[in-house]
Amino acid sequence: MTQTVKKRFLIFSAVGAALLAILVTAVQYIRYRHTKSFSPEAEVVYTDGDVRMAVHYNRPYKKGRKIFGGLVPYGKVWRTGANEATVFEINRQLYVKSKTLPPGKYSLWTIPDSLTWTVIFNSQYGQWGIKSNMEANRDPALDVLSVTVPAIRQDKVCEQFTIEISKMGQEAELVLMWDNTVVSVPIEY
């Protein structure tokens, strides 16, 4: 090959690789946006004096499915929402059922059951919520705190997974609602 042919070949190869990379990135972005449209992002922010709590999560819909004990199996770790693991952020030390939770960012995981839920705060955050084998993408060695709280069945059905933080007297509650289940986690500050 002559030098000119080699240069052209290298240029075409580089352009082809760049176009392929752009195409792959575009497909991944479209798939990501499509997934997000079924479980839109939401953020809940709670402030009281110098206390600030924020939850960033994705909100799947019920769509006629059996949620707890069905789509979300009992006794298995759940990412507590959809897509990325739910993120819980606090600006100062709080107490969850009298257990200390230092200021920082955490991923929020749950283990639903029919009568009680285990709520887990893990120091790793920002990861996709499940692995390719459909198991929770959580490293238990990084759990900072876990508590068990009652699961309350109600007649009213909550169509879209919802997280709220509300003030209850001298403390707050982190409330998780979906289908006909409500879970409340007491938080003191």
N, C-alpha and C. Protein backbone atom coordinates (compact mmCIF):
# COMPACT_ATOMS: atom_id res chain seq x y z
N MET A 1 0.85 -1.19 0.00
CA MET A 1 0.00 0.00 0.00
C MET A 1 0.88 1.24 0.00
N THR A 2 0.41 2.24 -0.68
CA THR A 2 1.14 3.51 -0.67
C THR A 2 0.79 4.26 0.59
N GLN A 3 1.58 5.26 0.86
CA GLN A 3 1.36 6.10 2.06
C GLN A 3 -0.02 6.76 2.01
N THR A 4 -0.46 7.22 0.85
CA THR A 4 -1.75 7.89 0.71
C THR A 4 -2.89 6.92 1.01
N VAL A 5 -2.81 5.73 0.53
CA VAL A 5 -3.83 4.72 0.77
C VAL A 5 -3.86 4.36 2.25
N LYS A 6 -2.69 4.23 2.89
CA LYS A 6 -2.62 3.93 4.33
C LYS A 6 -3.28 5.04 5.14
N LYS A 7 -2.99 6.29 4.78
CA LYS A 7 -3.57 7.43 5.51
C LYS A 7 -5.09 7.43 5.37
N ARG A 8 -5.58 7.21 4.14
CA ARG A 8 -7.03 7.17 3.92
C ARG A 8 -7.67 6.04 4.72
N PHE A 9 -7.03 4.89 4.71
CA PHE A 9 -7.55 3.75 5.46
C PHE A 9 -7.63 4.07 6.95
N LEU A 10 -6.58 4.67 7.50
CA LEU A 10 -6.57 5.05 8.92
C LEU A 10 -7.64 6.09 9.24
N ILE A 11 -7.81 7.06 8.34
CA ILE A 11 -8.83 8.10 8.55
C ILE A 11 -10.23 7.49 8.52
N PHE A 12 -10.49 6.64 7.50
CA PHE A 12 -11.80 6.00 7.41
C PHE A 12 -12.05 5.08 8.61
N SER A 13 -11.03 4.40 9.07
CA SER A 13 -11.17 3.53 10.24
C SER A 13 -11.50 4.34 11.48
N ALA A 14 -10.80 5.45 11.66
CA ALA A 14 -11.04 6.31 12.83
C ALA A 14 -12.45 6.90 12.79
N VAL A 15 -12.86 7.37 11.63
CA VAL A 15 -14.21 7.94 11.47
C VAL A 15 -15.27 6.86 11.72
N GLY A 16 -15.05 5.68 11.18
CA GLY A 16 -15.98 4.58 11.39
C GLY A 16 -16.10 4.21 12.86
N ALA A 17 -14.98 4.14 13.57
CA ALA A 17 -14.99 3.83 15.01
C ALA A 17 -15.72 4.91 15.79
N ALA A 18 -15.49 6.17 15.42
CA ALA A 18 -16.16 7.27 16.11
C ALA A 18 -17.67 7.22 15.88
N LEU A 19 -18.09 6.95 14.63
CA LEU A 19 -19.51 6.84 14.34
C LEU A 19 -20.16 5.67 15.08
N LEU A 20 -19.46 4.56 15.16
CA LEU A 20 -19.97 3.41 15.89
C LEU A 20 -20.13 3.74 17.38
N ALA A 21 -19.15 4.43 17.96
CA ALA A 21 -19.23 4.81 19.37
C ALA A 21 -20.42 5.75 19.61
N ILE A 22 -20.63 6.69 18.68
CA ILE A 22 -21.76 7.61 18.81
C ILE A 22 -23.07 6.84 18.72
N LEU A 23 -23.16 5.91 17.80
CA LEU A 23 -24.37 5.11 17.62
C LEU A 23 -24.67 4.28 18.87
N VAL A 24 -23.67 3.63 19.43
CA VAL A 24 -23.86 2.82 20.64
C VAL A 24 -24.32 3.70 21.80
N THR A 25 -23.70 4.87 21.96
CA THR A 25 -24.08 5.79 23.02
C THR A 25 -25.52 6.26 22.83
N ALA A 26 -25.90 6.57 21.60
CA ALA A 26 -27.27 7.02 21.32
C ALA A 26 -28.29 5.93 21.65
N VAL A 27 -28.01 4.68 21.28
CA VAL A 27 -28.91 3.58 21.59
C VAL A 27 -29.05 3.40 23.09
N GLN A 28 -27.93 3.46 23.83
CA GLN A 28 -27.99 3.33 25.28
C GLN A 28 -28.80 4.46 25.90
N TYR A 29 -28.61 5.68 25.40
CA TYR A 29 -29.35 6.83 25.92
C TYR A 29 -30.85 6.66 25.66
N ILE A 30 -31.21 6.24 24.45
CA ILE A 30 -32.63 6.04 24.12
C ILE A 30 -33.23 4.96 25.02
N ARG A 31 -32.53 3.87 25.22
CA ARG A 31 -33.01 2.80 26.09
C ARG A 31 -33.17 3.32 27.52
N TYR A 32 -32.20 4.11 28.00
CA TYR A 32 -32.24 4.69 29.35
C TYR A 32 -33.46 5.60 29.49
N ARG A 33 -33.67 6.50 28.50
CA ARG A 33 -34.81 7.42 28.56
C ARG A 33 -36.13 6.66 28.48
N HIS A 34 -36.18 5.61 27.67
CA HIS A 34 -37.39 4.80 27.54
C HIS A 34 -37.72 4.14 28.89
N THR A 35 -36.71 3.59 29.54
CA THR A 35 -36.90 2.97 30.86
C THR A 35 -37.39 4.01 31.86
N LYS A 36 -36.80 5.20 31.84
CA LYS A 36 -37.19 6.26 32.77
C LYS A 36 -38.63 6.72 32.55
N SER A 37 -39.15 6.60 31.34
CA SER A 37 -40.52 7.05 31.09
C SER A 37 -41.54 6.17 31.80
N PHE A 38 -41.20 4.91 32.07
CA PHE A 38 -42.11 4.01 32.78
C PHE A 38 -42.03 4.20 34.30
N SER A 39 -40.93 4.71 34.78
CA SER A 39 -40.72 4.93 36.22
C SER A 39 -40.01 6.27 36.39
N PRO A 40 -40.75 7.37 36.28
CA PRO A 40 -40.11 8.69 36.29
C PRO A 40 -39.38 9.00 37.60
N GLU A 41 -38.37 9.85 37.47
CA GLU A 41 -37.60 10.28 38.64
C GLU A 41 -38.41 11.24 39.49
N ALA A 42 -38.12 11.23 40.78
CA ALA A 42 -38.75 12.18 41.70
C ALA A 42 -37.76 12.51 42.81
N GLU A 43 -37.96 13.65 43.42
CA GLU A 43 -37.14 14.03 44.57
C GLU A 43 -38.06 14.59 45.64
N VAL A 44 -37.85 14.15 46.86
CA VAL A 44 -38.58 14.64 48.02
C VAL A 44 -37.57 15.36 48.90
N VAL A 45 -37.88 16.59 49.27
CA VAL A 45 -36.98 17.35 50.15
C VAL A 45 -37.77 17.78 51.38
N TYR A 46 -37.17 17.56 52.55
CA TYR A 46 -37.77 17.92 53.83
C TYR A 46 -36.79 18.83 54.55
N THR A 47 -37.28 19.96 55.04
CA THR A 47 -36.45 20.85 55.86
C THR A 47 -37.23 21.25 57.09
N ASP A 48 -36.53 21.33 58.19
CA ASP A 48 -37.09 21.80 59.46
C ASP A 48 -35.94 22.43 60.23
N GLY A 49 -35.92 23.75 60.28
CA GLY A 49 -34.79 24.43 60.91
C GLY A 49 -33.52 24.13 60.14
N ASP A 50 -32.51 23.60 60.83
CA ASP A 50 -31.25 23.28 60.17
C ASP A 50 -31.18 21.83 59.67
N VAL A 51 -32.29 21.12 59.73
CA VAL A 51 -32.33 19.73 59.27
C VAL A 51 -32.80 19.69 57.82
N ARG A 52 -32.06 18.96 57.00
CA ARG A 52 -32.47 18.77 55.61
C ARG A 52 -32.31 17.29 55.25
N MET A 53 -33.40 16.71 54.73
CA MET A 53 -33.39 15.34 54.22
C MET A 53 -33.88 15.39 52.79
N ALA A 54 -33.27 14.58 51.93
CA ALA A 54 -33.71 14.51 50.54
C ALA A 54 -33.68 13.05 50.09
N VAL A 55 -34.66 12.68 49.29
CA VAL A 55 -34.73 11.33 48.71
C VAL A 55 -34.87 11.50 47.20
N HIS A 56 -33.98 10.84 46.46
CA HIS A 56 -34.05 10.83 45.01
C HIS A 56 -34.34 9.39 44.59
N TYR A 57 -35.46 9.21 43.85
CA TYR A 57 -35.88 7.84 43.52
C TYR A 57 -36.68 7.82 42.23
N ASN A 58 -36.98 6.62 41.75
CA ASN A 58 -37.79 6.42 40.55
C ASN A 58 -39.09 5.76 40.96
N ARG A 59 -40.20 6.18 40.32
CA ARG A 59 -41.55 5.83 40.75
C ARG A 59 -42.26 4.91 39.76
N PRO A 60 -42.13 3.59 39.94
CA PRO A 60 -42.86 2.67 39.07
C PRO A 60 -44.36 2.70 39.34
N TYR A 61 -45.12 2.22 38.36
CA TYR A 61 -46.58 2.13 38.47
C TYR A 61 -47.00 0.69 38.76
N LYS A 62 -48.16 0.54 39.38
CA LYS A 62 -48.72 -0.78 39.68
C LYS A 62 -49.17 -1.50 38.41
N LYS A 63 -49.88 -0.84 37.54
CA LYS A 63 -50.36 -1.38 36.25
C LYS A 63 -51.08 -2.72 36.40
N GLY A 64 -51.92 -2.85 37.41
CA GLY A 64 -52.70 -4.07 37.58
C GLY A 64 -51.94 -5.27 38.12
N ARG A 65 -50.67 -5.10 38.43
CA ARG A 65 -49.85 -6.22 38.90
C ARG A 65 -49.96 -6.39 40.41
N LYS A 66 -49.72 -7.60 40.88
CA LYS A 66 -49.56 -7.83 42.31
C LYS A 66 -48.15 -7.37 42.65
N ILE A 67 -48.03 -6.42 43.57
CA ILE A 67 -46.72 -5.82 43.83
C ILE A 67 -45.96 -6.62 44.89
N PHE A 68 -46.35 -6.50 46.16
CA PHE A 68 -45.58 -7.14 47.23
C PHE A 68 -46.00 -8.60 47.38
N GLY A 69 -45.01 -9.48 47.35
CA GLY A 69 -45.28 -10.91 47.31
C GLY A 69 -45.48 -11.39 45.87
N GLY A 70 -45.29 -10.48 44.90
CA GLY A 70 -45.41 -10.80 43.47
C GLY A 70 -44.23 -10.20 42.74
N LEU A 71 -44.45 -9.03 42.11
CA LEU A 71 -43.37 -8.32 41.40
C LEU A 71 -42.18 -8.08 42.33
N VAL A 72 -42.45 -7.66 43.54
CA VAL A 72 -41.42 -7.47 44.57
C VAL A 72 -41.58 -8.62 45.56
N PRO A 73 -40.72 -9.64 45.47
CA PRO A 73 -40.88 -10.83 46.33
C PRO A 73 -40.68 -10.52 47.81
N TYR A 74 -41.41 -11.23 48.65
CA TYR A 74 -41.19 -11.13 50.09
C TYR A 74 -39.84 -11.77 50.43
N GLY A 75 -39.18 -11.19 51.43
CA GLY A 75 -37.95 -11.78 51.94
C GLY A 75 -36.70 -11.54 51.11
N LYS A 76 -36.81 -10.74 50.02
CA LYS A 76 -35.64 -10.44 49.19
C LYS A 76 -35.38 -8.94 49.19
N VAL A 77 -34.11 -8.57 49.08
CA VAL A 77 -33.73 -7.15 49.07
C VAL A 77 -34.30 -6.49 47.81
N TRP A 78 -34.93 -5.33 48.00
CA TRP A 78 -35.52 -4.54 46.92
C TRP A 78 -34.83 -3.19 46.86
N ARG A 79 -34.64 -2.67 45.66
CA ARG A 79 -33.97 -1.37 45.47
C ARG A 79 -34.84 -0.19 45.89
N THR A 80 -36.07 -0.46 46.31
CA THR A 80 -36.99 0.54 46.84
C THR A 80 -37.31 1.61 45.80
N GLY A 81 -37.82 1.15 44.69
CA GLY A 81 -38.16 2.00 43.57
C GLY A 81 -37.80 1.26 42.30
N ALA A 82 -37.39 2.00 41.28
CA ALA A 82 -36.99 1.40 40.01
C ALA A 82 -35.69 2.05 39.55
N ASN A 83 -35.10 1.45 38.53
CA ASN A 83 -33.89 1.97 37.88
C ASN A 83 -32.72 2.04 38.88
N GLU A 84 -32.14 3.22 39.09
CA GLU A 84 -31.03 3.34 40.04
C GLU A 84 -31.51 3.08 41.46
N ALA A 85 -30.57 2.71 42.32
CA ALA A 85 -30.92 2.55 43.74
C ALA A 85 -31.36 3.91 44.29
N THR A 86 -32.38 3.89 45.14
CA THR A 86 -32.88 5.11 45.77
C THR A 86 -31.80 5.72 46.65
N VAL A 87 -31.68 7.06 46.61
CA VAL A 87 -30.66 7.77 47.39
C VAL A 87 -31.34 8.59 48.48
N PHE A 88 -30.84 8.44 49.71
CA PHE A 88 -31.32 9.19 50.88
C PHE A 88 -30.15 10.04 51.36
N GLU A 89 -30.35 11.36 51.47
CA GLU A 89 -29.27 12.27 51.87
C GLU A 89 -29.70 13.11 53.06
N ILE A 90 -28.79 13.24 54.04
CA ILE A 90 -29.07 14.06 55.22
C ILE A 90 -27.87 14.96 55.50
N ASN A 91 -28.15 16.13 56.08
CA ASN A 91 -27.08 17.08 56.33
C ASN A 91 -26.57 17.06 57.77
N ARG A 92 -27.21 16.28 58.62
CA ARG A 92 -26.75 16.17 60.01
C ARG A 92 -27.14 14.81 60.57
N GLN A 93 -26.57 14.49 61.70
CA GLN A 93 -26.85 13.20 62.34
C GLN A 93 -28.32 13.09 62.70
N LEU A 94 -28.91 11.93 62.36
CA LEU A 94 -30.29 11.65 62.69
C LEU A 94 -30.35 10.32 63.43
N TYR A 95 -31.53 10.01 63.98
CA TYR A 95 -31.72 8.75 64.69
C TYR A 95 -32.92 8.03 64.07
N VAL A 96 -32.65 6.85 63.54
CA VAL A 96 -33.69 6.04 62.93
C VAL A 96 -34.02 4.94 63.91
N LYS A 97 -35.24 5.00 64.48
CA LYS A 97 -35.64 4.08 65.55
C LYS A 97 -34.53 4.01 66.62
N SER A 98 -34.06 5.18 67.03
CA SER A 98 -33.04 5.36 68.08
C SER A 98 -31.64 4.90 67.68
N LYS A 99 -31.43 4.50 66.43
CA LYS A 99 -30.09 4.15 65.94
C LYS A 99 -29.50 5.35 65.21
N THR A 100 -28.22 5.60 65.42
CA THR A 100 -27.55 6.77 64.85
C THR A 100 -27.24 6.59 63.37
N LEU A 101 -27.62 7.61 62.57
CA LEU A 101 -27.28 7.66 61.15
C LEU A 101 -26.51 8.96 60.91
N PRO A 102 -25.18 8.85 60.64
CA PRO A 102 -24.36 10.05 60.43
C PRO A 102 -24.79 10.83 59.18
N PRO A 103 -24.42 12.13 59.11
CA PRO A 103 -24.75 12.90 57.91
C PRO A 103 -24.07 12.28 56.68
N GLY A 104 -24.72 12.39 55.53
CA GLY A 104 -24.14 11.86 54.29
C GLY A 104 -25.20 11.39 53.32
N LYS A 105 -24.73 10.67 52.30
CA LYS A 105 -25.61 10.10 51.27
C LYS A 105 -25.59 8.59 51.42
N TYR A 106 -26.75 7.99 51.23
CA TYR A 106 -26.91 6.55 51.37
C TYR A 106 -27.82 6.02 50.27
N SER A 107 -27.63 4.77 49.90
CA SER A 107 -28.66 4.11 49.11
C SER A 107 -29.64 3.50 50.11
N LEU A 108 -30.90 3.48 49.72
CA LEU A 108 -31.98 3.00 50.58
C LEU A 108 -32.52 1.70 50.01
N TRP A 109 -32.45 0.64 50.80
CA TRP A 109 -32.90 -0.69 50.39
C TRP A 109 -33.94 -1.17 51.38
N THR A 110 -34.80 -2.06 50.94
CA THR A 110 -35.78 -2.63 51.85
C THR A 110 -35.89 -4.13 51.59
N ILE A 111 -36.35 -4.83 52.62
CA ILE A 111 -36.70 -6.24 52.48
C ILE A 111 -38.16 -6.34 52.92
N PRO A 112 -39.08 -6.30 51.95
CA PRO A 112 -40.50 -6.35 52.28
C PRO A 112 -40.91 -7.74 52.77
N ASP A 113 -41.87 -7.76 53.67
CA ASP A 113 -42.54 -8.99 54.09
C ASP A 113 -43.99 -8.60 54.36
N SER A 114 -44.84 -9.55 54.61
CA SER A 114 -46.27 -9.24 54.75
C SER A 114 -46.57 -8.43 56.01
N LEU A 115 -45.82 -8.64 57.09
CA LEU A 115 -46.11 -7.96 58.35
C LEU A 115 -45.08 -6.89 58.72
N THR A 116 -43.82 -7.09 58.31
CA THR A 116 -42.76 -6.12 58.63
C THR A 116 -41.85 -5.94 57.43
N TRP A 117 -41.15 -4.81 57.42
CA TRP A 117 -40.12 -4.55 56.42
C TRP A 117 -38.82 -4.24 57.14
N THR A 118 -37.71 -4.65 56.57
CA THR A 118 -36.40 -4.21 57.01
C THR A 118 -35.99 -3.08 56.09
N VAL A 119 -35.58 -1.96 56.69
CA VAL A 119 -35.15 -0.78 55.93
C VAL A 119 -33.65 -0.63 56.17
N ILE A 120 -32.88 -0.53 55.08
CA ILE A 120 -31.42 -0.55 55.15
C ILE A 120 -30.85 0.72 54.52
N PHE A 121 -29.92 1.35 55.22
CA PHE A 121 -29.18 2.49 54.71
C PHE A 121 -27.75 2.00 54.43
N ASN A 122 -27.30 2.15 53.19
CA ASN A 122 -26.02 1.60 52.75
C ASN A 122 -25.15 2.75 52.25
N SER A 123 -23.85 2.73 52.58
CA SER A 123 -22.97 3.85 52.24
C SER A 123 -22.64 3.97 50.76
N GLN A 124 -22.90 2.94 49.96
CA GLN A 124 -22.66 3.01 48.52
C GLN A 124 -23.92 3.57 47.86
N TYR A 125 -23.75 4.50 46.94
CA TYR A 125 -24.90 5.06 46.23
C TYR A 125 -24.51 5.41 44.80
N GLY A 126 -25.51 5.59 43.95
CA GLY A 126 -25.28 5.97 42.56
C GLY A 126 -25.29 4.79 41.60
N GLN A 127 -25.38 3.58 42.11
CA GLN A 127 -25.36 2.39 41.25
C GLN A 127 -26.76 2.06 40.73
N TRP A 128 -26.79 1.30 39.63
CA TRP A 128 -28.05 0.78 39.12
C TRP A 128 -28.60 -0.16 40.19
N GLY A 129 -29.90 -0.23 40.34
CA GLY A 129 -30.50 -0.95 41.45
C GLY A 129 -30.42 -2.46 41.42
N ILE A 130 -30.26 -3.05 40.23
CA ILE A 130 -30.16 -4.50 40.16
C ILE A 130 -29.00 -4.90 39.26
N LYS A 131 -28.48 -6.10 39.52
CA LYS A 131 -27.42 -6.67 38.70
C LYS A 131 -28.05 -7.39 37.51
N SER A 132 -27.22 -7.87 36.60
CA SER A 132 -27.73 -8.57 35.42
C SER A 132 -28.48 -9.86 35.78
N ASN A 133 -28.20 -10.43 36.97
CA ASN A 133 -28.91 -11.63 37.41
C ASN A 133 -30.22 -11.30 38.14
N MET A 134 -30.61 -10.02 38.09
CA MET A 134 -31.85 -9.50 38.68
C MET A 134 -31.83 -9.47 40.21
N GLU A 135 -30.67 -9.64 40.82
CA GLU A 135 -30.52 -9.50 42.27
C GLU A 135 -30.18 -8.05 42.59
N ALA A 136 -30.47 -7.63 43.82
CA ALA A 136 -30.18 -6.26 44.26
C ALA A 136 -28.68 -5.98 44.13
N ASN A 137 -28.34 -4.80 43.64
CA ASN A 137 -26.95 -4.38 43.45
C ASN A 137 -26.45 -3.66 44.70
N ARG A 138 -26.43 -4.38 45.79
CA ARG A 138 -26.06 -3.84 47.11
C ARG A 138 -24.97 -4.70 47.71
N ASP A 139 -23.98 -4.03 48.31
CA ASP A 139 -22.93 -4.73 49.03
C ASP A 139 -23.29 -4.68 50.52
N PRO A 140 -23.74 -5.79 51.12
CA PRO A 140 -24.16 -5.79 52.52
C PRO A 140 -23.05 -5.35 53.49
N ALA A 141 -21.79 -5.50 53.08
CA ALA A 141 -20.68 -5.08 53.94
C ALA A 141 -20.68 -3.56 54.15
N LEU A 142 -21.37 -2.83 53.26
CA LEU A 142 -21.42 -1.37 53.36
C LEU A 142 -22.70 -0.85 54.03
N ASP A 143 -23.49 -1.76 54.60
CA ASP A 143 -24.68 -1.33 55.33
C ASP A 143 -24.26 -0.54 56.56
N VAL A 144 -24.89 0.60 56.74
CA VAL A 144 -24.58 1.48 57.88
C VAL A 144 -25.59 1.27 58.99
N LEU A 145 -26.85 1.02 58.62
CA LEU A 145 -27.91 0.90 59.61
C LEU A 145 -29.08 0.15 58.99
N SER A 146 -29.73 -0.68 59.80
CA SER A 146 -30.97 -1.31 59.35
C SER A 146 -31.94 -1.38 60.52
N VAL A 147 -33.21 -1.22 60.20
CA VAL A 147 -34.27 -1.28 61.21
C VAL A 147 -35.45 -2.07 60.65
N THR A 148 -36.25 -2.60 61.53
CA THR A 148 -37.46 -3.31 61.13
C THR A 148 -38.66 -2.47 61.55
N VAL A 149 -39.60 -2.30 60.63
CA VAL A 149 -40.80 -1.50 60.89
C VAL A 149 -42.03 -2.27 60.42
N PRO A 150 -43.20 -1.96 60.99
CA PRO A 150 -44.42 -2.66 60.56
C PRO A 150 -44.83 -2.27 59.14
N ALA A 151 -45.43 -3.22 58.44
CA ALA A 151 -46.05 -2.97 57.13
C ALA A 151 -47.55 -2.91 57.37
N ILE A 152 -48.15 -1.82 56.94
CA ILE A 152 -49.58 -1.62 57.17
C ILE A 152 -50.33 -1.80 55.86
N ARG A 153 -51.34 -2.67 55.87
CA ARG A 153 -52.20 -2.85 54.70
C ARG A 153 -53.35 -1.86 54.81
N GLN A 154 -53.68 -1.24 53.70
CA GLN A 154 -54.80 -0.31 53.66
C GLN A 154 -55.72 -0.68 52.51
N ASP A 155 -56.95 -0.22 52.57
CA ASP A 155 -57.91 -0.51 51.51
C ASP A 155 -57.60 0.30 50.25
N LYS A 156 -57.17 1.53 50.44
CA LYS A 156 -56.87 2.41 49.32
C LYS A 156 -55.61 1.92 48.60
N VAL A 157 -55.66 1.89 47.27
CA VAL A 157 -54.51 1.45 46.47
C VAL A 157 -53.74 2.67 45.98
N CYS A 158 -52.43 2.65 46.18
CA CYS A 158 -51.54 3.69 45.68
C CYS A 158 -50.97 3.18 44.35
N GLU A 159 -51.37 3.75 43.24
CA GLU A 159 -51.01 3.26 41.90
C GLU A 159 -49.51 3.42 41.60
N GLN A 160 -48.93 4.52 42.04
CA GLN A 160 -47.51 4.78 41.74
C GLN A 160 -46.72 4.80 43.04
N PHE A 161 -45.58 4.11 43.03
CA PHE A 161 -44.72 4.08 44.22
C PHE A 161 -44.41 5.51 44.66
N THR A 162 -44.59 5.78 45.95
CA THR A 162 -44.44 7.13 46.48
C THR A 162 -43.65 7.11 47.78
N ILE A 163 -42.72 8.06 47.90
CA ILE A 163 -41.99 8.28 49.15
C ILE A 163 -42.31 9.69 49.61
N GLU A 164 -42.61 9.83 50.91
CA GLU A 164 -42.86 11.14 51.51
C GLU A 164 -42.07 11.23 52.80
N ILE A 165 -41.76 12.46 53.19
CA ILE A 165 -41.19 12.71 54.51
C ILE A 165 -42.09 13.76 55.14
N SER A 166 -42.61 13.45 56.32
CA SER A 166 -43.51 14.40 56.97
C SER A 166 -43.16 14.52 58.45
N LYS A 167 -43.51 15.66 59.00
CA LYS A 167 -43.25 15.93 60.42
C LYS A 167 -44.37 15.31 61.25
N MET A 168 -43.99 14.61 62.30
CA MET A 168 -44.94 14.00 63.22
C MET A 168 -44.52 14.38 64.64
N GLY A 169 -45.10 15.44 65.17
CA GLY A 169 -44.72 15.91 66.50
C GLY A 169 -43.29 16.41 66.50
N GLN A 170 -42.45 15.82 67.34
CA GLN A 170 -41.05 16.24 67.45
C GLN A 170 -40.12 15.42 66.56
N GLU A 171 -40.68 14.57 65.72
CA GLU A 171 -39.85 13.77 64.83
C GLU A 171 -40.45 13.79 63.42
N ALA A 172 -39.80 13.09 62.52
CA ALA A 172 -40.29 12.98 61.15
C ALA A 172 -40.54 11.52 60.83
N GLU A 173 -41.24 11.28 59.73
CA GLU A 173 -41.48 9.93 59.26
C GLU A 173 -41.08 9.85 57.79
N LEU A 174 -40.33 8.82 57.45
CA LEU A 174 -40.06 8.48 56.07
C LEU A 174 -41.13 7.46 55.70
N VAL A 175 -42.03 7.82 54.77
CA VAL A 175 -43.17 6.97 54.45
C VAL A 175 -43.02 6.42 53.04
N LEU A 176 -43.16 5.10 52.90
CA LEU A 176 -43.11 4.41 51.62
C LEU A 176 -44.51 3.85 51.34
N MET A 177 -45.06 4.14 50.15
CA MET A 177 -46.42 3.68 49.82
C MET A 177 -46.45 3.13 48.40
N TRP A 178 -47.08 1.96 48.26
CA TRP A 178 -47.33 1.40 46.94
C TRP A 178 -48.35 0.29 47.07
N ASP A 179 -49.20 0.18 46.07
CA ASP A 179 -50.27 -0.80 46.08
C ASP A 179 -51.13 -0.53 47.32
N ASN A 180 -51.34 -1.51 48.17
CA ASN A 180 -52.11 -1.26 49.39
C ASN A 180 -51.24 -1.40 50.64
N THR A 181 -49.94 -1.11 50.50
CA THR A 181 -48.99 -1.21 51.61
C THR A 181 -48.40 0.17 51.94
N VAL A 182 -48.33 0.45 53.24
CA VAL A 182 -47.70 1.67 53.74
C VAL A 182 -46.69 1.27 54.81
N VAL A 183 -45.49 1.83 54.69
CA VAL A 183 -44.43 1.58 55.67
C VAL A 183 -43.94 2.94 56.16
N SER A 184 -43.83 3.10 57.47
CA SER A 184 -43.41 4.35 58.06
C SER A 184 -42.17 4.12 58.93
N VAL A 185 -41.12 4.92 58.66
CA VAL A 185 -39.87 4.81 59.40
C VAL A 185 -39.70 6.07 60.25
N PRO A 186 -39.74 5.96 61.59
CA PRO A 186 -39.59 7.14 62.44
C PRO A 186 -38.14 7.65 62.44
N ILE A 187 -38.01 8.98 62.32
CA ILE A 187 -36.70 9.62 62.31
C ILE A 187 -36.71 10.76 63.31
N GLU A 188 -35.74 10.75 64.23
CA GLU A 188 -35.60 11.82 65.21
C GLU A 188 -34.37 12.65 64.88
N TYR A 189 -34.42 13.92 65.27
CA TYR A 189 -33.26 14.82 65.06
C TYR A 189 -33.15 15.81 66.18
